[in-house]
C-alpha atoms as a PDB file:
ATOM      1  CA  UNK A   1       3.298 -36.260  -8.856  1.00  0.00           C
ATOM      2  CA  UNK A   2       2.135 -32.579  -9.647  1.00  0.00           C
ATOM      3  CA  UNK A   3      -1.621 -32.101 -11.099  1.00  0.00           C
ATOM      4  CA  UNK A   4      -2.438 -29.610 -13.530  1.00  0.00           C
ATOM      5  CA  UNK A   5      -4.233 -27.622 -10.926  1.00  0.00           C
ATOM      6  CA  UNK A   6      -1.210 -27.257  -8.719  1.00  0.00           C
ATOM      7  CA  UNK A   7       1.182 -26.226 -11.574  1.00  0.00           C
ATOM      8  CA  UNK A   8      -1.433 -23.388 -12.647  1.00  0.00           C
ATOM      9  CA  UNK A   9      -1.623 -22.249  -9.107  1.00  0.00           C
ATOM     10  CA  UNK A  10       1.779 -22.067  -8.821  1.00  0.00           C
ATOM     11  CA  UNK A  11       2.172 -20.266 -12.198  1.00  0.00           C
ATOM     12  CA  UNK A  12      -0.404 -17.738 -10.940  1.00  0.00           C
ATOM     13  CA  UNK A  13       1.523 -17.145  -7.805  1.00  0.00           C
ATOM     14  CA  UNK A  14       4.685 -16.521  -9.462  1.00  0.00           C
ATOM     15  CA  UNK A  15       3.213 -14.114 -11.967  1.00  0.00           C
ATOM     16  CA  UNK A  16       1.428 -12.213  -9.322  1.00  0.00           C
ATOM     17  CA  UNK A  17       4.760 -11.803  -7.328  1.00  0.00           C
ATOM     18  CA  UNK A  18       6.506 -10.720 -10.575  1.00  0.00           C
ATOM     19  CA  UNK A  19       3.724  -8.127 -11.336  1.00  0.00           C
ATOM     20  CA  UNK A  20       3.865  -6.508  -7.918  1.00  0.00           C
ATOM     21  CA  UNK A  21       7.852  -6.149  -8.327  1.00  0.00           C
ATOM     22  CA  UNK A  22       7.296  -4.413 -11.695  1.00  0.00           C
ATOM     23  CA  UNK A  23       4.485  -2.285  -9.989  1.00  0.00           C
ATOM     24  CA  UNK A  24       6.892  -1.202  -7.057  1.00  0.00           C
ATOM     25  CA  UNK A  25       9.560  -0.372  -9.844  1.00  0.00           C
ATOM     26  CA  UNK A  26       7.308   2.077 -11.774  1.00  0.00           C
ATOM     27  CA  UNK A  27       6.662   3.987  -8.377  1.00  0.00           C
ATOM     28  CA  UNK A  28       8.658   7.221  -7.891  1.00  0.00           C
ATOM     29  CA  UNK A  29      10.319   7.974  -4.578  1.00  0.00           C
ATOM     30  CA  UNK A  30       7.709  10.385  -3.563  1.00  0.00           C
ATOM     31  CA  UNK A  31       4.891   7.787  -4.135  1.00  0.00           C
ATOM     32  CA  UNK A  32       7.002   5.050  -1.949  1.00  0.00           C
ATOM     33  CA  UNK A  33       7.302   7.628   0.790  1.00  0.00           C
ATOM     34  CA  UNK A  34       3.622   8.526   0.767  1.00  0.00           C
ATOM     35  CA  UNK A  35       2.743   4.868   0.850  1.00  0.00           C
ATOM     36  CA  UNK A  36       5.172   3.935   3.739  1.00  0.00           C
ATOM     37  CA  UNK A  37       3.773   6.964   5.461  1.00  0.00           C
ATOM     38  CA  UNK A  38       0.226   5.775   5.066  1.00  0.00           C
ATOM     39  CA  UNK A  39       1.309   2.378   6.062  1.00  0.00           C
ATOM     40  CA  UNK A  40       3.044   3.411   9.038  1.00  0.00           C
ATOM     41  CA  UNK A  41       0.060   5.429  10.157  1.00  0.00           C
ATOM     42  CA  UNK A  42      -2.310   2.311   9.682  1.00  0.00           C
ATOM     43  CA  UNK A  43       0.033   0.248  11.672  1.00  0.00           C
ATOM     44  CA  UNK A  44       0.464   2.865  14.555  1.00  0.00           C
ATOM     45  CA  UNK A  45      -3.476   3.342  14.551  1.00  0.00           C
ATOM     46  CA  UNK A  46      -4.053  -0.469  14.869  1.00  0.00           C
ATOM     47  CA  UNK A  47      -1.089  -0.578  17.618  1.00  0.00           C
ATOM     48  CA  UNK A  48      -2.929   1.985  19.649  1.00  0.00           C
ATOM     49  CA  UNK A  49      -6.338   0.386  19.416  1.00  0.00           C
ATOM     50  CA  UNK A  50      -5.075  -2.746  20.820  1.00  0.00           C
ATOM     51  CA  UNK A  51      -3.430  -1.064  23.642  1.00  0.00           C
ATOM     52  CA  UNK A  52      -6.705   0.418  24.427  1.00  0.00           C
ATOM     53  CA  UNK A  53      -6.205   4.006  23.313  1.00  0.00           C
ATOM     54  CA  UNK A  54      -9.248   4.085  20.999  1.00  0.00           C
ATOM     55  CA  UNK A  55      -9.330   7.791  20.389  1.00  0.00           C
ATOM     56  CA  UNK A  56      -5.999   8.322  19.430  1.00  0.00           C
ATOM     57  CA  UNK A  57      -6.222   5.271  17.254  1.00  0.00           C
ATOM     58  CA  UNK A  58      -9.153   6.775  15.312  1.00  0.00           C
ATOM     59  CA  UNK A  59      -7.496  10.172  15.085  1.00  0.00           C
ATOM     60  CA  UNK A  60      -4.123   8.520  13.596  1.00  0.00           C
ATOM     61  CA  UNK A  61      -6.430   6.028  11.321  1.00  0.00           C
ATOM     62  CA  UNK A  62      -7.845   8.980   9.758  1.00  0.00           C
ATOM     63  CA  UNK A  63      -4.708  10.175   8.581  1.00  0.00           C
ATOM     64  CA  UNK A  64      -4.346   7.081   6.111  1.00  0.00           C
ATOM     65  CA  UNK A  65      -7.037   8.245   3.584  1.00  0.00           C
ATOM     66  CA  UNK A  66      -5.695  11.684   3.811  1.00  0.00           C
ATOM     67  CA  UNK A  67      -2.075  10.687   3.028  1.00  0.00           C
ATOM     68  CA  UNK A  68      -3.300   8.463   0.090  1.00  0.00           C
ATOM     69  CA  UNK A  69      -5.523  11.222  -1.222  1.00  0.00           C
ATOM     70  CA  UNK A  70      -2.790  13.649  -1.095  1.00  0.00           C
ATOM     71  CA  UNK A  71      -0.633  11.280  -2.979  1.00  0.00           C
ATOM     72  CA  UNK A  72      -3.086  10.906  -5.807  1.00  0.00           C
ATOM     73  CA  UNK A  73      -3.406  14.853  -5.937  1.00  0.00           C
ATOM     74  CA  UNK A  74       0.358  14.849  -6.259  1.00  0.00           C
ATOM     75  CA  UNK A  75       0.289  12.245  -8.946  1.00  0.00           C
ATOM     76  CA  UNK A  76      -2.363  14.078 -10.915  1.00  0.00           C
ATOM     77  CA  UNK A  77      -0.390  17.357 -10.785  1.00  0.00           C
ATOM     78  CA  UNK A  78       2.543  15.462 -12.166  1.00  0.00           C
ATOM     79  CA  UNK A  79       0.534  13.890 -15.027  1.00  0.00           C
ATOM     80  CA  UNK A  80      -0.887  17.492 -15.612  1.00  0.00           C
ATOM     81  CA  UNK A  81       2.565  18.921 -16.161  1.00  0.00           C
ATOM     82  CA  UNK A  82       3.708  16.357 -18.631  1.00  0.00           C
END
């Protein structure tokens, strides 16, 4: 009924989902907020793009790497203080 390939595939999917849950538990509140803001600006940018407002979309789309870069900077400051 179940082949070895299907069981291996299922095990890999379950393991990857479990690893994602562990990864999110390791993030601090600030990390989660920054990740949420980056994701929100990405969705806003894509929405504006498909509505036809290309200039605003590009402007907001440039916020994503800036937010993520700032999050990395905060993470480095936190590591340096320890």
